Structure formats: C-alpha cells, structure tokens
Amino acid sequence: MSNKNIKGRSITPIGVQEPAQVLSVNKWKFIIWLFIITIVMLFASQTSAYLVRRAEGNWAEFEIPTIFWFSTLILLISSGSMHWALLSAKQNSQTNLKIAVGLTFAFGIVFLAMQYLGWQDLQQQGVFLKGNPSGSFFYIFTGLHMAHLLLGLGILIATLIMAFKLEINAGNTLLVEICATAWHFLDILWIYLFVFLLYFR
C-alpha cells in the first residue's frame, strides 16, 4: 500500500508505521568524550584523596611558583588559537588553519617547559615528590595533567600533518573538532587544578 499525497503532504496509511530514525554518534567523538569522562573521574578521585589527606594533618604549606601563573596564561591563549583553527577549517582557510594549529602546538610546548621550570623552583624551596604529602600531590596533579597534554600535542601533530596534506576542509573538519574538544578540556582541567591547589594549599 503506497502513501497518499494530499496537497504536497505525505500521509501514512492507518496501521503502517514509518521506520524510526536511528540516532548515530561518530565513533571518534564518542571515544574522545569517553576519554574526557575517564579523566574527570580520575581527577575527581585524586582531589578527593587530597582533601581527605589534608584533613589528617602533617600538611606542609608552600608558595606556588609564579611561573605557574604565566603557564596558565599561555594555556588560555592556546585555547584561543585552537578555536581559531576550528573556525579556519570551517571557513576552508588552509593558511590560517596551519598557522593556528602550529601556534597551539607551540604554546603547548611552552606550557610544558614552564611547568618543568616550576618544578625546579619547587625543588629549590625544598618541595619534592617524595616528602610531605602536600608536595607529592602537587607533583602528581601537575604531572598527570602534563601527561594528558602530551596526548593532546599528539593529536595536534596529526591535525597539522593532515592540514599540510590539504585533507582538512570545510567539508571535513572532524579531526579539528576532536582536537579542539580535547584541547579546550585540558585547558579547563588545568584551570580547575590550579585554582584547587591555590585554595587548598
């Protein structure tokens, strides 16, 4: 039995059901969001452990090196350049895309270098990985974030390679979207950690 058409409208016969639409999610977007949820759970458990251990006492306080403020600013700027990369991809601006992704990668490297210098400053204060739990947690938090940032840099490299191969355009922005999602999340995660460590020193 075929559908009747009245004045341009399609009417389904009584008793005949139209096939339901199947909602589909891109597997790579699903993977990146699963990755994000996993990291959120990891750091939620770690910050909870931090608060519990801090409440037990024997907690040394120390000054967070100034360079961590500057590294935070660098990461915020990198989030802006990553957004520019996504806009450039959607606008099919190949030159701006390459520049924006390259800048984001460079900012990421600078951030890692500044974090390492911050660790050296902590050691000069007598704060080490092995010692008082307050220092140990600080190294663990910042170290875990740096490890995940390295994964983000890997995605940036892949994006940059595809950009130079002209495989990214207005009709194919998936990799840039995934990269932007991961990078913005890592920026937000760092801000959360930094504010947490400042407040609960």
C-alpha atoms as a PDB file:
ATOM      1  CA  MET A   1       0.000   0.000   0.000  1.00  0.00           C
ATOM      2  CA  SER A   2       1.551   3.310  -1.036  1.00  0.00           C
ATOM      3  CA  ASN A   3       1.324   6.584   0.820  1.00  0.00           C
ATOM      4  CA  LYS A   4      -1.297   9.056  -0.395  1.00  0.00           C
ATOM      5  CA  ASN A   5      -0.189  12.571  -1.138  1.00  0.00           C
ATOM      6  CA  ILE A   6      -2.664  15.370  -0.477  1.00  0.00           C
ATOM      7  CA  LYS A   7      -1.608  18.897  -1.447  1.00  0.00           C
ATOM      8  CA  GLY A   8       2.077  18.019  -1.208  1.00  0.00           C
ATOM      9  CA  ARG A   9       1.748  16.248   2.168  1.00  0.00           C
ATOM     10  CA  SER A  10       2.562  12.589   2.592  1.00  0.00           C
ATOM     11  CA  ILE A  11       0.033  10.620   4.649  1.00  0.00           C
ATOM     12  CA  THR A  12       0.944   7.228   6.077  1.00  0.00           C
ATOM     13  CA  PRO A  13      -1.889   4.679   5.798  1.00  0.00           C
ATOM     14  CA  ILE A  14      -3.536   3.581   9.051  1.00  0.00           C
ATOM     15  CA  GLY A  15      -1.763   0.617  10.587  1.00  0.00           C
ATOM     16  CA  VAL A  16       1.513   1.255   8.759  1.00  0.00           C
ATOM     17  CA  GLN A  17       4.383   2.604  10.850  1.00  0.00           C
ATOM     18  CA  GLU A  18       7.189   4.664   9.421  1.00  0.00           C
ATOM     19  CA  PRO A  19      10.664   3.352  10.247  1.00  0.00           C
ATOM     20  CA  ALA A  20      12.118   5.021  13.329  1.00  0.00           C
ATOM     21  CA  GLN A  21      15.145   7.246  12.841  1.00  0.00           C
ATOM     22  CA  VAL A  22      18.340   5.776  14.198  1.00  0.00           C
ATOM     23  CA  LEU A  23      20.483   8.196  16.175  1.00  0.00           C
ATOM     24  CA  SER A  24      24.146   7.718  15.381  1.00  0.00           C
ATOM     25  CA  VAL A  25      27.216   9.189  17.048  1.00  0.00           C
ATOM     26  CA  ASN A  26      30.555   9.452  15.335  1.00  0.00           C
ATOM     27  CA  LYS A  27      32.827   6.841  16.903  1.00  0.00           C
ATOM     28  CA  TRP A  28      35.769   9.237  17.240  1.00  0.00           C
ATOM     29  CA  LYS A  29      33.667  11.850  19.000  1.00  0.00           C
ATOM     30  CA  PHE A  30      32.331   9.101  21.266  1.00  0.00           C
ATOM     31  CA  ILE A  31      35.875   7.984  22.066  1.00  0.00           C
ATOM     32  CA  ILE A  32      37.069  11.495  22.907  1.00  0.00           C
ATOM     33  CA  TRP A  33      34.096  12.091  25.208  1.00  0.00           C
ATOM     34  CA  LEU A  34      34.662   8.724  26.874  1.00  0.00           C
ATOM     35  CA  PHE A  35      38.301   9.760  27.318  1.00  0.00           C
ATOM     36  CA  ILE A  36      37.195  13.052  28.889  1.00  0.00           C
ATOM     37  CA  ILE A  37      34.779  11.340  31.280  1.00  0.00           C
ATOM     38  CA  THR A  38      37.536   8.938  32.344  1.00  0.00           C
ATOM     39  CA  ILE A  39      39.925  11.802  33.088  1.00  0.00           C
ATOM     40  CA  VAL A  40      37.243  13.673  35.041  1.00  0.00           C
ATOM     41  CA  MET A  41      36.669  10.604  37.207  1.00  0.00           C
ATOM     42  CA  LEU A  42      40.414  10.178  37.709  1.00  0.00           C
ATOM     43  CA  PHE A  43      40.987  13.726  38.904  1.00  0.00           C
ATOM     44  CA  ALA A  44      37.795  13.738  40.966  1.00  0.00           C
ATOM     45  CA  SER A  45      39.110  10.752  42.922  1.00  0.00           C
ATOM     46  CA  GLN A  46      42.556  12.327  43.261  1.00  0.00           C
ATOM     47  CA  THR A  47      41.264  15.668  44.536  1.00  0.00           C
ATOM     48  CA  SER A  48      39.009  13.846  46.996  1.00  0.00           C
ATOM     49  CA  ALA A  49      42.009  11.900  48.279  1.00  0.00           C
ATOM     50  CA  TYR A  50      43.900  15.201  48.542  1.00  0.00           C
ATOM     51  CA  LEU A  51      41.212  16.746  50.773  1.00  0.00           C
ATOM     52  CA  VAL A  52      40.987  13.656  52.972  1.00  0.00           C
ATOM     53  CA  ARG A  53      44.768  13.508  53.466  1.00  0.00           C
ATOM     54  CA  ARG A  54      44.979  17.259  54.117  1.00  0.00           C
ATOM     55  CA  ALA A  55      42.374  16.975  56.874  1.00  0.00           C
ATOM     56  CA  GLU A  56      44.513  14.374  58.658  1.00  0.00           C
ATOM     57  CA  GLY A  57      47.215  16.942  59.430  1.00  0.00           C
ATOM     58  CA  ASN A  58      51.004  16.934  58.948  1.00  0.00           C
ATOM     59  CA  TRP A  59      50.471  19.116  55.905  1.00  0.00           C
ATOM     60  CA  ALA A  60      53.260  21.454  54.805  1.00  0.00           C
ATOM     61  CA  GLU A  61      52.341  24.723  53.100  1.00  0.00           C
ATOM     62  CA  PHE A  62      54.498  26.234  50.367  1.00  0.00           C
ATOM     63  CA  GLU A  63      54.345  29.034  47.837  1.00  0.00           C
ATOM     64  CA  ILE A  64      53.260  28.017  44.347  1.00  0.00           C
ATOM     65  CA  PRO A  65      55.917  29.379  41.953  1.00  0.00           C
ATOM     66  CA  THR A  66      54.906  32.465  39.977  1.00  0.00           C
ATOM     67  CA  ILE A  67      55.739  30.740  36.708  1.00  0.00           C
ATOM     68  CA  PHE A  68      52.626  28.584  37.108  1.00  0.00           C
ATOM     69  CA  TRP A  69      50.536  31.752  36.742  1.00  0.00           C
ATOM     70  CA  PHE A  70      52.275  32.542  33.463  1.00  0.00           C
ATOM     71  CA  SER A  71      51.924  28.974  32.199  1.00  0.00           C
ATOM     72  CA  THR A  72      48.188  29.207  32.928  1.00  0.00           C
ATOM     73  CA  LEU A  73      48.001  32.347  30.792  1.00  0.00           C
ATOM     74  CA  ILE A  74      49.859  30.584  27.973  1.00  0.00           C
ATOM     75  CA  LEU A  75      47.388  27.715  28.051  1.00  0.00           C
ATOM     76  CA  LEU A  76      44.442  30.123  27.929  1.00  0.00           C
ATOM     77  CA  ILE A  77      45.960  31.808  24.868  1.00  0.00           C
ATOM     78  CA  SER A  78      46.443  28.397  23.249  1.00  0.00           C
ATOM     79  CA  SER A  79      42.739  27.733  23.691  1.00  0.00           C
ATOM     80  CA  GLY A  80      42.068  30.872  21.666  1.00  0.00           C
ATOM     81  CA  SER A  81      44.391  29.776  18.856  1.00  0.00           C
ATOM     82  CA  MET A  82      42.739  26.332  18.831  1.00  0.00           C
ATOM     83  CA  HIS A  83      39.347  27.966  18.401  1.00  0.00           C
ATOM     84  CA  TRP A  84      40.816  29.994  15.546  1.00  0.00           C
ATOM     85  CA  ALA A  85      41.982  26.733  13.956  1.00  0.00           C
ATOM     86  CA  LEU A  86      38.464  25.318  14.084  1.00  0.00           C
ATOM     87  CA  LEU A  87      36.959  28.464  12.581  1.00  0.00           C
ATOM     88  CA  SER A  88      39.619  28.440   9.845  1.00  0.00           C
ATOM     89  CA  ALA A  89      38.811  24.837   8.966  1.00  0.00           C
ATOM     90  CA  LYS A  90      35.100  25.616   8.702  1.00  0.00           C
ATOM     91  CA  GLN A  91      35.905  28.617   6.503  1.00  0.00           C
ATOM     92  CA  ASN A  92      38.244  26.500   4.365  1.00  0.00           C
ATOM     93  CA  SER A  93      41.144  28.855   5.105  1.00  0.00           C
ATOM     94  CA  GLN A  94      44.095  26.493   4.744  1.00  0.00           C
ATOM     95  CA  THR A  95      46.805  29.043   5.578  1.00  0.00           C
ATOM     96  CA  ASN A  96      45.139  30.245   8.773  1.00  0.00           C
ATOM     97  CA  LEU A  97      44.431  26.649   9.765  1.00  0.00           C
ATOM     98  CA  LYS A  98      48.111  25.715   9.561  1.00  0.00           C
ATOM     99  CA  ILE A  99      49.185  28.838  11.438  1.00  0.00           C
ATOM    100  CA  ALA A 100      46.575  28.369  14.173  1.00  0.00           C
ATOM    101  CA  VAL A 101      47.359  24.682  14.755  1.00  0.00           C
ATOM    102  CA  GLY A 102      51.090  25.422  14.681  1.00  0.00           C
ATOM    103  CA  LEU A 103      50.667  28.207  17.242  1.00  0.00           C
ATOM    104  CA  THR A 104      48.596  25.963  19.508  1.00  0.00           C
ATOM    105  CA  PHE A 105      51.275  23.288  19.367  1.00  0.00           C
ATOM    106  CA  ALA A 106      53.997  25.858  20.142  1.00  0.00           C
ATOM    107  CA  PHE A 107      52.015  27.220  23.094  1.00  0.00           C
ATOM    108  CA  GLY A 108      51.614  23.658  24.363  1.00  0.00           C
ATOM    109  CA  ILE A 109      55.376  23.104  24.272  1.00  0.00           C
ATOM    110  CA  VAL A 110      55.976  26.409  26.069  1.00  0.00           C
ATOM    111  CA  PHE A 111      53.446  25.401  28.730  1.00  0.00           C
ATOM    112  CA  LEU A 112      55.232  22.090  29.347  1.00  0.00           C
ATOM    113  CA  ALA A 113      58.601  23.861  29.578  1.00  0.00           C
ATOM    114  CA  MET A 114      57.226  26.366  32.084  1.00  0.00           C
ATOM    115  CA  GLN A 115      55.708  23.573  34.174  1.00  0.00           C
ATOM    116  CA  TYR A 116      59.118  21.904  34.310  1.00  0.00           C
ATOM    117  CA  LEU A 117      60.726  25.178  35.387  1.00  0.00           C
ATOM    118  CA  GLY A 118      58.033  25.440  38.047  1.00  0.00           C
ATOM    119  CA  TRP A 119      59.061  22.025  39.341  1.00  0.00           C
ATOM    120  CA  GLN A 120      62.667  23.200  39.586  1.00  0.00           C
ATOM    121  CA  ASP A 121      61.525  26.230  41.557  1.00  0.00           C
ATOM    122  CA  LEU A 122      59.639  23.929  43.952  1.00  0.00           C
ATOM    123  CA  GLN A 123      62.757  21.848  44.474  1.00  0.00           C
ATOM    124  CA  GLN A 124      64.670  24.993  45.375  1.00  0.00           C
ATOM    125  CA  GLN A 125      62.043  25.564  48.070  1.00  0.00           C
ATOM    126  CA  GLY A 126      62.694  22.050  49.364  1.00  0.00           C
ATOM    127  CA  VAL A 127      59.457  20.597  47.962  1.00  0.00           C
ATOM    128  CA  PHE A 128      59.981  17.182  46.367  1.00  0.00           C
ATOM    129  CA  LEU A 129      57.890  14.321  45.036  1.00  0.00           C
ATOM    130  CA  LYS A 130      58.970  12.194  47.975  1.00  0.00           C
ATOM    131  CA  GLY A 131      58.372  14.006  51.218  1.00  0.00           C
ATOM    132  CA  ASN A 132      55.387  15.805  52.655  1.00  0.00           C
ATOM    133  CA  PRO A 133      52.080  14.718  51.048  1.00  0.00           C
ATOM    134  CA  SER A 134      51.276  18.312  50.046  1.00  0.00           C
ATOM    135  CA  GLY A 135      54.261  18.398  47.702  1.00  0.00           C
ATOM    136  CA  SER A 136      53.675  14.858  46.476  1.00  0.00           C
ATOM    137  CA  PHE A 137      50.100  15.656  45.470  1.00  0.00           C
ATOM    138  CA  PHE A 138      51.214  18.802  43.664  1.00  0.00           C
ATOM    139  CA  TYR A 139      53.693  16.864  41.539  1.00  0.00           C
ATOM    140  CA  ILE A 140      51.155  14.107  40.867  1.00  0.00           C
ATOM    141  CA  PHE A 141      48.421  16.526  39.778  1.00  0.00           C
ATOM    142  CA  THR A 142      50.655  18.596  37.534  1.00  0.00           C
ATOM    143  CA  GLY A 143      52.440  15.508  36.203  1.00  0.00           C
ATOM    144  CA  LEU A 144      49.202  13.738  35.277  1.00  0.00           C
ATOM    145  CA  HIS A 145      47.967  16.850  33.519  1.00  0.00           C
ATOM    146  CA  MET A 146      51.239  17.154  31.599  1.00  0.00           C
ATOM    147  CA  ALA A 147      50.959  13.510  30.521  1.00  0.00           C
ATOM    148  CA  HIS A 148      47.476  14.074  29.134  1.00  0.00           C
ATOM    149  CA  LEU A 149      48.638  17.289  27.474  1.00  0.00           C
ATOM    150  CA  LEU A 150      51.257  15.253  25.618  1.00  0.00           C
ATOM    151  CA  LEU A 151      48.399  13.216  24.141  1.00  0.00           C
ATOM    152  CA  GLY A 152      46.785  16.466  23.083  1.00  0.00           C
ATOM    153  CA  LEU A 153      50.016  17.510  21.390  1.00  0.00           C
ATOM    154  CA  GLY A 154      49.996  14.199  19.526  1.00  0.00           C
ATOM    155  CA  ILE A 155      46.519  14.961  18.160  1.00  0.00           C
ATOM    156  CA  LEU A 156      47.750  18.428  17.180  1.00  0.00           C
ATOM    157  CA  ILE A 157      50.629  16.905  15.216  1.00  0.00           C
ATOM    158  CA  ALA A 158      48.219  14.621  13.366  1.00  0.00           C
ATOM    159  CA  THR A 159      45.984  17.611  12.618  1.00  0.00           C
ATOM    160  CA  LEU A 160      48.920  19.651  11.352  1.00  0.00           C
ATOM    161  CA  ILE A 161      50.071  16.830   9.061  1.00  0.00           C
ATOM    162  CA  MET A 162      46.588  16.488   7.579  1.00  0.00           C
ATOM    163  CA  ALA A 163      46.375  20.255   7.154  1.00  0.00           C
ATOM    164  CA  PHE A 164      49.589  20.302   5.111  1.00  0.00           C
ATOM    165  CA  LYS A 165      48.265  17.400   3.036  1.00  0.00           C
ATOM    166  CA  LEU A 166      45.146  19.526   2.388  1.00  0.00           C
ATOM    167  CA  GLU A 167      42.963  16.745   3.807  1.00  0.00           C
ATOM    168  CA  ILE A 168      41.093  19.165   6.081  1.00  0.00           C
ATOM    169  CA  ASN A 169      38.492  21.457   4.574  1.00  0.00           C
ATOM    170  CA  ALA A 170      35.057  22.900   5.231  1.00  0.00           C
ATOM    171  CA  GLY A 171      33.506  19.525   4.468  1.00  0.00           C
ATOM    172  CA  ASN A 172      35.915  17.513   6.596  1.00  0.00           C
ATOM    173  CA  THR A 173      36.558  19.155   9.970  1.00  0.00           C
ATOM    174  CA  LEU A 174      36.173  16.081  12.180  1.00  0.00           C
ATOM    175  CA  LEU A 175      39.800  15.859  13.316  1.00  0.00           C
ATOM    176  CA  VAL A 176      39.955  19.576  14.101  1.00  0.00           C
ATOM    177  CA  GLU A 177      36.708  19.323  16.075  1.00  0.00           C
ATOM    178  CA  ILE A 178      38.065  16.395  18.095  1.00  0.00           C
ATOM    179  CA  CYS A 179      41.357  18.206  18.648  1.00  0.00           C
ATOM    180  CA  ALA A 180      39.573  21.383  19.774  1.00  0.00           C
ATOM    181  CA  THR A 181      37.329  19.447  22.178  1.00  0.00           C
ATOM    182  CA  ALA A 182      40.302  17.679  23.761  1.00  0.00           C
ATOM    183  CA  TRP A 183      42.422  20.825  23.961  1.00  0.00           C
ATOM    184  CA  HIS A 184      39.710  23.020  25.484  1.00  0.00           C
ATOM    185  CA  PHE A 185      39.010  20.294  28.025  1.00  0.00           C
ATOM    186  CA  LEU A 186      42.686  20.115  29.023  1.00  0.00           C
ATOM    187  CA  ASP A 187      42.711  23.896  29.449  1.00  0.00           C
ATOM    188  CA  ILE A 188      39.616  23.786  31.670  1.00  0.00           C
ATOM    189  CA  LEU A 189      41.080  20.881  33.632  1.00  0.00           C
ATOM    190  CA  TRP A 190      44.279  22.807  34.322  1.00  0.00           C
ATOM    191  CA  ILE A 191      42.378  25.901  35.488  1.00  0.00           C
ATOM    192  CA  TYR A 192      40.368  23.697  37.855  1.00  0.00           C
ATOM    193  CA  LEU A 193      43.510  22.071  39.232  1.00  0.00           C
ATOM    194  CA  PHE A 194      45.363  25.363  39.583  1.00  0.00           C
ATOM    195  CA  VAL A 195      42.509  27.074  41.428  1.00  0.00           C
ATOM    196  CA  PHE A 196      42.050  23.967  43.604  1.00  0.00           C
ATOM    197  CA  LEU A 197      45.730  23.894  44.559  1.00  0.00           C
ATOM    198  CA  LEU A 198      45.753  27.634  45.251  1.00  0.00           C
ATOM    199  CA  TYR A 199      42.728  27.439  47.536  1.00  0.00           C
ATOM    200  CA  PHE A 200      43.562  24.192  49.361  1.00  0.00           C
ATOM    201  CA  ARG A 201      47.287  24.640  49.872  1.00  0.00           C
END
